């Protein structure tokens, strides 16, 4: 008899307790301390800065374009050497330099 009474009380507590807790926690009732701290300092956004004006140095661009043209003129003859089984020692360096110059020129010319 005692065990039944104890069992009924425990079941009653387990059934009643969650429903009481759910009623006490209404939306907005409890806010974590971090949220309260953030509310003290509202976020103020500033307009983004416009991108800086880029100036193009035409003398430097012309020099790089001239170097690029000179390197590009040498490529076909070196490719012929590669086809014959001879690998010029600075061929890979020239191709890298061509790539670097073309990327730089493209970056300077296009917005």
PDB file of N, CA and C in Angstrom:
ATOM      1  N   UNK A   1       0.825  -1.189   0.000  1.00  0.00           N
ATOM      2  CA  UNK A   1       0.000   0.000   0.000  1.00  0.00           C
ATOM      3  C   UNK A   1       0.867   1.250   0.000  1.00  0.00           C
ATOM      4  N   UNK A   2       1.899   1.210   0.796  1.00  0.00           N
ATOM      5  CA  UNK A   2       2.787   2.347   0.858  1.00  0.00           C
ATOM      6  C   UNK A   2       3.498   2.569  -0.482  1.00  0.00           C
ATOM      7  N   UNK A   3       3.878   1.493  -1.110  1.00  0.00           N
ATOM      8  CA  UNK A   3       4.577   1.594  -2.392  1.00  0.00           C
ATOM      9  C   UNK A   3       3.672   2.171  -3.466  1.00  0.00           C
ATOM     10  N   UNK A   4       2.400   1.786  -3.412  1.00  0.00           N
ATOM     11  CA  UNK A   4       1.461   2.338  -4.406  1.00  0.00           C
ATOM     12  C   UNK A   4       1.297   3.828  -4.206  1.00  0.00           C
ATOM     13  N   UNK A   5       1.162   4.261  -2.976  1.00  0.00           N
ATOM     14  CA  UNK A   5       0.985   5.677  -2.684  1.00  0.00           C
ATOM     15  C   UNK A   5       2.227   6.463  -3.125  1.00  0.00           C
ATOM     16  N   UNK A   6       3.401   5.938  -2.848  1.00  0.00           N
ATOM     17  CA  UNK A   6       4.641   6.568  -3.264  1.00  0.00           C
ATOM     18  C   UNK A   6       4.740   6.626  -4.800  1.00  0.00           C
ATOM     19  N   UNK A   7       4.370   5.550  -5.460  1.00  0.00           N
ATOM     20  CA  UNK A   7       4.388   5.496  -6.925  1.00  0.00           C
ATOM     21  C   UNK A   7       3.426   6.522  -7.512  1.00  0.00           C
ATOM     22  N   UNK A   8       2.235   6.644  -6.986  1.00  0.00           N
ATOM     23  CA  UNK A   8       1.229   7.589  -7.486  1.00  0.00           C
ATOM     24  C   UNK A   8       1.719   9.021  -7.282  1.00  0.00           C
ATOM     25  N   UNK A   9       2.347   9.284  -6.142  1.00  0.00           N
ATOM     26  CA  UNK A   9       2.860  10.634  -5.895  1.00  0.00           C
ATOM     27  C   UNK A   9       3.979  10.992  -6.880  1.00  0.00           C
ATOM     28  N   UNK A  10       4.880  10.061  -7.112  1.00  0.00           N
ATOM     29  CA  UNK A  10       5.966  10.315  -8.054  1.00  0.00           C
ATOM     30  C   UNK A  10       5.453  10.543  -9.473  1.00  0.00           C
ATOM     31  N   UNK A  11       4.520   9.725  -9.894  1.00  0.00           N
ATOM     32  CA  UNK A  11       3.941   9.896 -11.232  1.00  0.00           C
ATOM     33  C   UNK A  11       3.220  11.232 -11.310  1.00  0.00           C
ATOM     34  N   UNK A  12       2.514  11.599 -10.276  1.00  0.00           N
ATOM     35  CA  UNK A  12       1.814  12.890 -10.267  1.00  0.00           C
ATOM     36  C   UNK A  12       2.781  14.045 -10.358  1.00  0.00           C
ATOM     37  N   UNK A  13       3.903  13.961  -9.651  1.00  0.00           N
ATOM     38  CA  UNK A  13       4.903  15.027  -9.691  1.00  0.00           C
ATOM     39  C   UNK A  13       5.532  15.116 -11.077  1.00  0.00           C
ATOM     40  N   UNK A  14       5.819  13.973 -11.649  1.00  0.00           N
ATOM     41  CA  UNK A  14       6.435  13.970 -12.976  1.00  0.00           C
ATOM     42  C   UNK A  14       5.488  14.499 -14.049  1.00  0.00           C
ATOM     43  N   UNK A  15       4.195  14.271 -13.883  1.00  0.00           N
ATOM     44  CA  UNK A  15       3.227  14.748 -14.874  1.00  0.00           C
ATOM     45  C   UNK A  15       2.945  16.222 -14.683  1.00  0.00           C
ATOM     46  N   UNK A  16       2.845  16.674 -13.437  1.00  0.00           N
ATOM     47  CA  UNK A  16       2.462  18.054 -13.154  1.00  0.00           C
ATOM     48  C   UNK A  16       3.653  19.005 -13.322  1.00  0.00           C
ATOM     49  N   UNK A  17       4.848  18.617 -12.930  1.00  0.00           N
ATOM     50  CA  UNK A  17       6.027  19.489 -12.955  1.00  0.00           C
ATOM     51  C   UNK A  17       6.351  20.030 -14.351  1.00  0.00           C
ATOM     52  N   UNK A  18       6.423  19.205 -15.409  1.00  0.00           N
ATOM     53  CA  UNK A  18       6.728  19.776 -16.732  1.00  0.00           C
ATOM     54  C   UNK A  18       5.674  20.750 -17.223  1.00  0.00           C
ATOM     55  N   UNK A  19       4.438  20.505 -16.934  1.00  0.00           N
ATOM     56  CA  UNK A  19       3.407  21.430 -17.416  1.00  0.00           C
ATOM     57  C   UNK A  19       3.479  22.750 -16.678  1.00  0.00           C
ATOM     58  N   UNK A  20       3.828  22.731 -15.386  1.00  0.00           N
ATOM     59  CA  UNK A  20       3.970  23.970 -14.620  1.00  0.00           C
ATOM     60  C   UNK A  20       5.181  24.750 -15.115  1.00  0.00           C
ATOM     61  N   UNK A  21       6.285  24.029 -15.373  1.00  0.00           N
ATOM     62  CA  UNK A  21       7.490  24.701 -15.875  1.00  0.00           C
ATOM     63  C   UNK A  21       7.250  25.309 -17.244  1.00  0.00           C
ATOM     64  N   UNK A  22       6.506  24.635 -18.087  1.00  0.00           N
ATOM     65  CA  UNK A  22       6.231  25.147 -19.426  1.00  0.00           C
ATOM     66  C   UNK A  22       5.386  26.411 -19.358  1.00  0.00           C
ATOM     67  N   UNK A  23       4.475  26.510 -18.358  1.00  0.00           N
ATOM     68  CA  UNK A  23       3.646  27.701 -18.233  1.00  0.00           C
ATOM     69  C   UNK A  23       4.465  28.882 -17.734  1.00  0.00           C
ATOM     70  N   UNK A  24       5.449  28.635 -16.875  1.00  0.00           N
ATOM     71  CA  UNK A  24       6.261  29.719 -16.325  1.00  0.00           C
ATOM     72  C   UNK A  24       7.217  30.296 -17.359  1.00  0.00           C
ATOM     73  N   UNK A  25       7.625  29.521 -18.319  1.00  0.00           N
ATOM     74  CA  UNK A  25       8.570  30.006 -19.317  1.00  0.00           C
ATOM     75  C   UNK A  25       7.848  30.466 -20.566  1.00  0.00           C
ATOM     76  N   UNK A  26       7.260  31.606 -20.482  1.00  0.00           N
ATOM     77  CA  UNK A  26       6.611  32.182 -21.654  1.00  0.00           C
ATOM     78  C   UNK A  26       7.682  32.906 -22.470  1.00  0.00           C
ATOM     79  N   UNK A  27       7.412  33.168 -23.752  1.00  0.00           N
ATOM     80  CA  UNK A  27       8.412  33.836 -24.589  1.00  0.00           C
ATOM     81  C   UNK A  27       8.759  35.212 -24.020  1.00  0.00           C
ATOM     82  N   UNK A  28      10.036  35.503 -23.916  1.00  0.00           N
ATOM     83  CA  UNK A  28      10.480  36.787 -23.399  1.00  0.00           C
ATOM     84  C   UNK A  28      10.592  36.812 -21.890  1.00  0.00           C
ATOM     85  N   UNK A  29      10.214  35.742 -21.200  1.00  0.00           N
ATOM     86  CA  UNK A  29      10.262  35.702 -19.740  1.00  0.00           C
ATOM     87  C   UNK A  29      11.693  35.659 -19.251  1.00  0.00           C
ATOM     88  N   UNK A  30      12.531  34.846 -19.868  1.00  0.00           N
ATOM     89  CA  UNK A  30      13.922  34.708 -19.451  1.00  0.00           C
ATOM     90  C   UNK A  30      14.827  35.002 -20.633  1.00  0.00           C
ATOM     91  N   UNK A  31      15.732  35.926 -20.450  1.00  0.00           N
ATOM     92  CA  UNK A  31      16.719  36.217 -21.477  1.00  0.00           C
ATOM     93  C   UNK A  31      18.095  35.918 -20.909  1.00  0.00           C
ATOM     94  N   UNK A  32      18.930  35.271 -21.680  1.00  0.00           N
ATOM     95  CA  UNK A  32      20.275  34.974 -21.185  1.00  0.00           C
ATOM     96  C   UNK A  32      21.051  36.261 -20.931  1.00  0.00           C
ATOM     97  N   UNK A  33      22.006  36.231 -20.005  1.00  0.00           N
ATOM     98  CA  UNK A  33      22.750  37.454 -19.668  1.00  0.00           C
ATOM     99  C   UNK A  33      23.512  38.048 -20.853  1.00  0.00           C
ATOM    100  N   UNK A  34      23.966  37.202 -21.775  1.00  0.00           N
ATOM    101  CA  UNK A  34      24.669  37.728 -22.942  1.00  0.00           C
ATOM    102  C   UNK A  34      23.768  38.592 -23.806  1.00  0.00           C
ATOM    103  N   UNK A  35      22.528  38.195 -23.927  1.00  0.00           N
ATOM    104  CA  UNK A  35      21.577  38.965 -24.731  1.00  0.00           C
ATOM    105  C   UNK A  35      21.275  40.303 -24.062  1.00  0.00           C
ATOM    106  N   UNK A  36      21.201  40.300 -22.744  1.00  0.00           N
ATOM    107  CA  UNK A  36      20.964  41.552 -22.016  1.00  0.00           C
ATOM    108  C   UNK A  36      22.156  42.489 -22.181  1.00  0.00           C
ATOM    109  N   UNK A  37      23.358  41.944 -22.174  1.00  0.00           N
ATOM    110  CA  UNK A  37      24.560  42.757 -22.319  1.00  0.00           C
ATOM    111  C   UNK A  37      24.639  43.369 -23.719  1.00  0.00           C
ATOM    112  N   UNK A  38      24.278  42.587 -24.724  1.00  0.00           N
ATOM    113  CA  UNK A  38      24.286  43.095 -26.103  1.00  0.00           C
ATOM    114  C   UNK A  38      23.264  44.205 -26.276  1.00  0.00           C
ATOM    115  N   UNK A  39      22.134  44.096 -25.589  1.00  0.00           N
ATOM    116  CA  UNK A  39      21.085  45.108 -25.708  1.00  0.00           C
ATOM    117  C   UNK A  39      21.560  46.459 -25.177  1.00  0.00           C
ATOM    118  N   UNK A  40      22.554  46.477 -24.297  1.00  0.00           N
ATOM    119  CA  UNK A  40      23.062  47.744 -23.761  1.00  0.00           C
ATOM    120  C   UNK A  40      23.800  48.557 -24.824  1.00  0.00           C
ATOM    121  N   UNK A  41      24.378  47.860 -25.792  1.00  0.00           N
ATOM    122  CA  UNK A  41      25.189  48.518 -26.814  1.00  0.00           C
ATOM    123  C   UNK A  41      24.603  48.229 -28.189  1.00  0.00           C
ATOM    124  N   UNK A  42      23.664  49.053 -28.652  1.00  0.00           N
ATOM    125  CA  UNK A  42      23.053  48.772 -29.964  1.00  0.00           C
ATOM    126  C   UNK A  42      24.082  48.901 -31.082  1.00  0.00           C
ATOM    127  N   UNK A  43      23.902  48.096 -32.092  1.00  0.00           N
ATOM    128  CA  UNK A  43      24.815  48.063 -33.226  1.00  0.00           C
ATOM    129  C   UNK A  43      24.538  49.244 -34.141  1.00  0.00           C
ATOM    130  N   UNK A  44      25.574  50.017 -34.404  1.00  0.00           N
ATOM    131  CA  UNK A  44      25.436  51.167 -35.293  1.00  0.00           C
ATOM    132  C   UNK A  44      26.329  50.925 -36.508  1.00  0.00           C
ATOM    133  N   UNK A  45      25.704  50.775 -37.634  1.00  0.00           N
ATOM    134  CA  UNK A  45      26.445  50.495 -38.863  1.00  0.00           C
ATOM    135  C   UNK A  45      26.753  51.791 -39.591  1.00  0.00           C
ATOM    136  N   UNK A  46      27.957  51.853 -40.127  1.00  0.00           N
ATOM    137  CA  UNK A  46      28.354  52.998 -40.933  1.00  0.00           C
ATOM    138  C   UNK A  46      28.351  52.593 -42.404  1.00  0.00           C
ATOM    139  N   UNK A  47      28.176  53.552 -43.247  1.00  0.00           N
ATOM    140  CA  UNK A  47      28.193  53.270 -44.685  1.00  0.00           C
ATOM    141  C   UNK A  47      29.597  52.817 -45.082  1.00  0.00           C
ATOM    142  N   UNK A  48      29.688  51.830 -45.977  1.00  0.00           N
ATOM    143  CA  UNK A  48      31.013  51.369 -46.390  1.00  0.00           C
ATOM    144  C   UNK A  48      31.752  52.444 -47.171  1.00  0.00           C
ATOM    145  N   UNK A  49      33.070  52.432 -47.027  1.00  0.00           N
ATOM    146  CA  UNK A  49      33.891  53.400 -47.745  1.00  0.00           C
ATOM    147  C   UNK A  49      33.935  53.037 -49.225  1.00  0.00           C
ATOM    148  N   UNK A  50      33.909  54.034 -50.078  1.00  0.00           N
ATOM    149  CA  UNK A  50      34.016  53.733 -51.508  1.00  0.00           C
ATOM    150  C   UNK A  50      35.413  53.222 -51.816  1.00  0.00           C
ATOM    151  N   UNK A  51      35.555  52.411 -52.847  1.00  0.00           N
ATOM    152  CA  UNK A  51      36.887  51.902 -53.181  1.00  0.00           C
ATOM    153  C   UNK A  51      37.795  53.062 -53.602  1.00  0.00           C
ATOM    154  N   UNK A  52      39.054  52.973 -53.230  1.00  0.00           N
ATOM    155  CA  UNK A  52      39.954  54.078 -53.588  1.00  0.00           C
ATOM    156  C   UNK A  52      40.150  54.171 -55.097  1.00  0.00           C
ATOM    157  N   UNK A  53      40.323  55.384 -55.552  1.00  0.00           N
ATOM    158  CA  UNK A  53      40.562  55.614 -56.986  1.00  0.00           C
ATOM    159  C   UNK A  53      41.949  55.084 -57.334  1.00  0.00           C
ATOM    160  N   UNK A  54      41.996  54.287 -58.370  1.00  0.00           N
ATOM    161  CA  UNK A  54      43.270  53.748 -58.817  1.00  0.00           C
ATOM    162  C   UNK A  54      43.804  54.606 -59.944  1.00  0.00           C
ATOM    163  N   UNK A  55      45.064  54.906 -59.852  1.00  0.00           N
ATOM    164  CA  UNK A  55      45.701  55.650 -60.934  1.00  0.00           C
ATOM    165  C   UNK A  55      46.561  54.675 -61.729  1.00  0.00           C
ATOM    166  N   UNK A  56      46.488  54.814 -63.013  1.00  0.00           N
ATOM    167  CA  UNK A  56      47.237  53.942 -63.911  1.00  0.00           C
ATOM    168  C   UNK A  56      48.483  54.685 -64.363  1.00  0.00           C
ATOM    169  N   UNK A  57      49.630  54.036 -64.202  1.00  0.00           N
ATOM    170  CA  UNK A  57      50.891  54.620 -64.645  1.00  0.00           C
ATOM    171  C   UNK A  57      51.150  54.151 -66.076  1.00  0.00           C
ATOM    172  N   UNK A  58      50.901  55.011 -67.068  1.00  0.00           N
ATOM    173  CA  UNK A  58      51.023  54.572 -68.462  1.00  0.00           C
ATOM    174  C   UNK A  58      52.458  54.192 -68.849  1.00  0.00           C
ATOM    175  N   UNK A  59      53.452  54.811 -68.253  1.00  0.00           N
ATOM    176  CA  UNK A  59      54.840  54.480 -68.586  1.00  0.00           C
ATOM    177  C   UNK A  59      55.159  53.060 -68.122  1.00  0.00           C
ATOM    178  N   UNK A  60      54.736  52.739 -66.909  1.00  0.00           N
ATOM    179  CA  UNK A  60      54.986  51.402 -66.383  1.00  0.00           C
ATOM    180  C   UNK A  60      54.214  50.344 -67.171  1.00  0.00           C
ATOM    181  N   UNK A  61      52.961  50.661 -67.518  1.00  0.00           N
ATOM    182  CA  UNK A  61      52.163  49.722 -68.311  1.00  0.00           C
ATOM    183  C   UNK A  61      52.802  49.461 -69.673  1.00  0.00           C
ATOM    184  N   UNK A  62      53.290  50.518 -70.296  1.00  0.00           N
ATOM    185  CA  UNK A  62      53.916  50.364 -71.619  1.00  0.00           C
ATOM    186  C   UNK A  62      55.184  49.516 -71.519  1.00  0.00           C
ATOM    187  N   UNK A  63      55.960  49.707 -70.455  1.00  0.00           N
ATOM    188  CA  UNK A  63      57.192  48.926 -70.276  1.00  0.00           C
ATOM    189  C   UNK A  63      56.862  47.447 -70.049  1.00  0.00           C
ATOM    190  N   UNK A  64      55.832  47.192 -69.227  1.00  0.00           N
ATOM    191  CA  UNK A  64      55.440  45.800 -68.984  1.00  0.00           C
ATOM    192  C   UNK A  64      54.878  45.153 -70.246  1.00  0.00           C
ATOM    193  N   UNK A  65      54.107  45.924 -71.021  1.00  0.00           N
ATOM    194  CA  UNK A  65      53.558  45.393 -72.269  1.00  0.00           C
ATOM    195  C   UNK A  65      54.675  45.081 -73.261  1.00  0.00           C
ATOM    196  N   UNK A  66      55.688  45.930 -73.289  1.00  0.00           N
ATOM    197  CA  UNK A  66      56.819  45.692 -74.186  1.00  0.00           C
ATOM    198  C   UNK A  66      57.593  44.436 -73.766  1.00  0.00           C
ATOM    199  N   UNK A  67      57.808  44.274 -72.460  1.00  0.00           N
ATOM    200  CA  UNK A  67      58.491  43.079 -71.967  1.00  0.00           C
ATOM    201  C   UNK A  67      57.676  41.825 -72.278  1.00  0.00           C
ATOM    202  N   UNK A  68      56.369  41.926 -72.103  1.00  0.00           N
ATOM    203  CA  UNK A  68      55.485  40.802 -72.396  1.00  0.00           C
ATOM    204  C   UNK A  68      55.555  40.429 -73.874  1.00  0.00           C
ATOM    205  N   UNK A  69      55.568  41.417 -74.740  1.00  0.00           N
ATOM    206  CA  UNK A  69      55.649  41.153 -76.182  1.00  0.00           C
ATOM    207  C   UNK A  69      56.981  40.493 -76.543  1.00  0.00           C
ATOM    208  N   UNK A  70      58.069  40.967 -75.943  1.00  0.00           N
ATOM    209  CA  UNK A  70      59.383  40.371 -76.219  1.00  0.00           C
ATOM    210  C   UNK A  70      59.425  38.909 -75.777  1.00  0.00           C
ATOM    211  N   UNK A  71      58.911  38.629 -74.599  1.00  0.00           N
ATOM    212  CA  UNK A  71      58.894  37.253 -74.109  1.00  0.00           C
ATOM    213  C   UNK A  71      58.009  36.362 -74.977  1.00  0.00           C
ATOM    214  N   UNK A  72      56.884  36.908 -75.407  1.00  0.00           N
ATOM    215  CA  UNK A  72      55.955  36.125 -76.229  1.00  0.00           C
ATOM    216  C   UNK A  72      56.561  35.811 -77.600  1.00  0.00           C
ATOM    217  N   UNK A  73      57.390  36.708 -78.117  1.00  0.00           N
ATOM    218  CA  UNK A  73      58.042  36.459 -79.405  1.00  0.00           C
ATOM    219  C   UNK A  73      59.021  35.286 -79.335  1.00  0.00           C
ATOM    220  N   UNK A  74      59.608  35.060 -78.176  1.00  0.00           N
ATOM    221  CA  UNK A  74      60.592  33.990 -78.014  1.00  0.00           C
ATOM    222  C   UNK A  74      59.948  32.616 -77.817  1.00  0.00           C
ATOM    223  N   UNK A  75      58.694  32.583 -77.430  1.00  0.00           N
ATOM    224  CA  UNK A  75      58.043  31.311 -77.090  1.00  0.00           C
ATOM    225  C   UNK A  75      57.974  30.344 -78.270  1.00  0.00           C
ATOM    226  N   UNK A  76      57.567  30.747 -79.478  1.00  0.00           N
ATOM    227  CA  UNK A  76      57.458  29.758 -80.563  1.00  0.00           C
ATOM    228  C   UNK A  76      58.776  29.035 -80.876  1.00  0.00           C
ATOM    229  N   UNK A  77      59.893  29.769 -80.877  1.00  0.00           N
ATOM    230  CA  UNK A  77      61.166  29.104 -81.173  1.00  0.00           C
ATOM    231  C   UNK A  77      61.553  28.134 -80.054  1.00  0.00           C
ATOM    232  N   UNK A  78      61.233  28.467 -78.820  1.00  0.00           N
ATOM    233  CA  UNK A  78      61.546  27.562 -77.712  1.00  0.00           C
ATOM    234  C   UNK A  78      60.621  26.352 -77.702  1.00  0.00           C
ATOM    235  N   UNK A  79      59.399  26.528 -78.155  1.00  0.00           N
ATOM    236  CA  UNK A  79      58.489  25.384 -78.275  1.00  0.00           C
ATOM    237  C   UNK A  79      59.004  24.435 -79.354  1.00  0.00           C
ATOM    238  N   UNK A  80      59.570  24.985 -80.432  1.00  0.00           N
ATOM    239  CA  UNK A  80      60.179  24.135 -81.465  1.00  0.00           C
ATOM    240  C   UNK A  80      61.338  23.318 -80.883  1.00  0.00           C
ATOM    241  N   UNK A  81      62.114  23.939 -80.019  1.00  0.00           N
ATOM    242  CA  UNK A  81      63.223  23.217 -79.391  1.00  0.00           C
ATOM    243  C   UNK A  81      62.698  22.090 -78.489  1.00  0.00           C
ATOM    244  N   UNK A  82      61.611  22.370 -77.776  1.00  0.00           N
ATOM    245  CA  UNK A  82      61.011  21.341 -76.913  1.00  0.00           C
ATOM    246  C   UNK A  82      60.524  20.183 -77.774  1.00  0.00           C
ATOM    247  N   UNK A  83      59.970  20.477 -78.949  1.00  0.00           N
ATOM    248  CA  UNK A  83      59.494  19.424 -79.851  1.00  0.00           C
ATOM    249  C   UNK A  83      60.651  18.560 -80.342  1.00  0.00           C
ATOM    250  N   UNK A  84      61.843  19.135 -80.422  1.00  0.00           N
ATOM    251  CA  UNK A  84      63.026  18.376 -80.840  1.00  0.00           C
ATOM    252  C   UNK A  84      63.667  17.625 -79.676  1.00  0.00           C
ATOM    253  N   UNK A  85      63.109  17.772 -78.498  1.00  0.00           N
ATOM    254  CA  UNK A  85      63.641  17.064 -77.338  1.00  0.00           C
ATOM    255  C   UNK A  85      64.630  17.876 -76.531  1.00  0.00           C
ATOM    256  N   UNK A  86      64.789  19.152 -76.848  1.00  0.00           N
ATOM    257  CA  UNK A  86      65.700  20.023 -76.106  1.00  0.00           C
ATOM    258  C   UNK A  86      64.850  20.970 -75.257  1.00  0.00           C
ATOM    259  N   UNK A  87      65.133  21.027 -73.990  1.00  0.00           N
ATOM    260  CA  UNK A  87      64.376  21.912 -73.094  1.00  0.00           C
ATOM    261  C   UNK A  87      65.260  23.085 -72.693  1.00  0.00           C
ATOM    262  N   UNK A  88      64.947  24.293 -73.196  1.00  0.00           N
ATOM    263  CA  UNK A  88      65.720  25.468 -72.782  1.00  0.00           C
ATOM    264  C   UNK A  88      65.606  25.658 -71.270  1.00  0.00           C
ATOM    265  N   UNK A  89      66.712  26.011 -70.615  1.00  0.00           N
ATOM    266  CA  UNK A  89      66.724  26.037 -69.159  1.00  0.00           C
ATOM    267  C   UNK A  89      65.849  27.142 -68.564  1.00  0.00           C
ATOM    268  N   UNK A  90      65.648  28.240 -69.247  1.00  0.00           N
ATOM    269  CA  UNK A  90      64.843  29.325 -68.694  1.00  0.00           C
ATOM    270  C   UNK A  90      63.433  29.397 -69.306  1.00  0.00           C
ATOM    271  N   UNK A  91      63.034  28.368 -70.004  1.00  0.00           N
ATOM    272  CA  UNK A  91      61.723  28.370 -70.668  1.00  0.00           C
ATOM    273  C   UNK A  91      60.586  28.475 -69.644  1.00  0.00           C
ATOM    274  N   UNK A  92      60.648  27.681 -68.587  1.00  0.00           N
ATOM    275  CA  UNK A  92      59.591  27.720 -67.571  1.00  0.00           C
ATOM    276  C   UNK A  92      59.551  29.084 -66.878  1.00  0.00           C
ATOM    277  N   UNK A  93      60.718  29.670 -66.644  1.00  0.00           N
ATOM    278  CA  UNK A  93      60.764  30.994 -66.010  1.00  0.00           C
ATOM    279  C   UNK A  93      60.141  32.057 -66.908  1.00  0.00           C
ATOM    280  N   UNK A  94      60.404  31.951 -68.212  1.00  0.00           N
ATOM    281  CA  UNK A  94      59.814  32.908 -69.157  1.00  0.00           C
ATOM    282  C   UNK A  94      58.288  32.784 -69.165  1.00  0.00           C
ATOM    283  N   UNK A  95      57.809  31.545 -69.160  1.00  0.00           N
ATOM    284  CA  UNK A  95      56.351  31.351 -69.149  1.00  0.00           C
ATOM    285  C   UNK A  95      55.726  31.896 -67.869  1.00  0.00           C
ATOM    286  N   UNK A  96      56.395  31.694 -66.735  1.00  0.00           N
ATOM    287  CA  UNK A  96      55.887  32.259 -65.470  1.00  0.00           C
ATOM    288  C   UNK A  96      55.879  33.786 -65.520  1.00  0.00           C
ATOM    289  N   UNK A  97      56.933  34.358 -66.069  1.00  0.00           N
ATOM    290  CA  UNK A  97      57.010  35.824 -66.174  1.00  0.00           C
ATOM    291  C   UNK A  97      55.917  36.355 -67.093  1.00  0.00           C
ATOM    292  N   UNK A  98      55.656  35.653 -68.195  1.00  0.00           N
ATOM    293  CA  UNK A  98      54.559  36.045 -69.096  1.00  0.00           C
ATOM    294  C   UNK A  98      53.241  36.023 -68.339  1.00  0.00           C
ATOM    295  N   UNK A  99      53.024  34.973 -67.587  1.00  0.00           N
ATOM    296  CA  UNK A  99      51.776  34.851 -66.824  1.00  0.00           C
ATOM    297  C   UNK A  99      51.651  35.982 -65.806  1.00  0.00           C
ATOM    298  N   UNK A 100      52.722  36.264 -65.081  1.00  0.00           N
ATOM    299  CA  UNK A 100      52.694  37.312 -64.066  1.00  0.00           C
ATOM    300  C   UNK A 100      52.429  38.679 -64.695  1.00  0.00           C
ATOM    301  N   UNK A 101      53.115  38.963 -65.798  1.00  0.00           N
ATOM    302  CA  UNK A 101      52.916  40.251 -66.470  1.00  0.00           C
ATOM    303  C   UNK A 101      51.493  40.393 -67.004  1.00  0.00           C
ATOM    304  N   UNK A 102      50.977  39.326 -67.604  1.00  0.00           N
ATOM    305  CA  UNK A 102      49.627  39.425 -68.170  1.00  0.00           C
ATOM    306  C   UNK A 102      48.583  39.610 -67.065  1.00  0.00           C
ATOM    307  N   UNK A 103      48.750  38.923 -65.935  1.00  0.00           N
ATOM    308  CA  UNK A 103      47.804  39.101 -64.823  1.00  0.00           C
ATOM    309  C   UNK A 103      47.876  40.522 -64.275  1.00  0.00           C
ATOM    310  N   UNK A 104      49.083  41.036 -64.154  1.00  0.00           N
ATOM    311  CA  UNK A 104      49.234  42.397 -63.638  1.00  0.00           C
ATOM    312  C   UNK A 104      48.627  43.421 -64.597  1.00  0.00           C
ATOM    313  N   UNK A 105      48.896  43.267 -65.872  1.00  0.00           N
ATOM    314  CA  UNK A 105      48.328  44.192 -66.859  1.00  0.00           C
ATOM    315  C   UNK A 105      46.798  44.121 -66.873  1.00  0.00           C
ATOM    316  N   UNK A 106      46.276  42.922 -66.808  1.00  0.00           N
ATOM    317  CA  UNK A 106      44.824  42.755 -66.791  1.00  0.00           C
ATOM    318  C   UNK A 106      44.228  43.419 -65.552  1.00  0.00           C
ATOM    319  N   UNK A 107      44.878  43.261 -64.395  1.00  0.00           N
ATOM    320  CA  UNK A 107      44.398  43.877 -63.168  1.00  0.00           C
ATOM    321  C   UNK A 107      44.440  45.388 -63.199  1.00  0.00           C
ATOM    322  N   UNK A 108      45.429  45.939 -63.874  1.00  0.00           N
ATOM    323  CA  UNK A 108      45.545  47.399 -63.973  1.00  0.00           C
ATOM    324  C   UNK A 108      44.527  47.990 -64.943  1.00  0.00           C
ATOM    325  N   UNK A 109      44.214  47.257 -65.987  1.00  0.00           N
ATOM    326  CA  UNK A 109      43.335  47.803 -67.035  1.00  0.00           C
ATOM    327  C   UNK A 109      41.864  47.627 -66.697  1.00  0.00           C
ATOM    328  N   UNK A 110      41.506  46.461 -66.168  1.00  0.00           N
ATOM    329  CA  UNK A 110      40.084  46.204 -65.878  1.00  0.00           C
ATOM    330  C   UNK A 110      39.740  46.720 -64.483  1.00  0.00           C
ATOM    331  N   UNK A 111      38.509  47.209 -64.317  1.00  0.00           N
ATOM    332  CA  UNK A 111      38.112  47.751 -63.004  1.00  0.00           C
ATOM    333  C   UNK A 111      37.901  46.681 -61.971  1.00  0.00           C
TER     334      UNK A 111
END
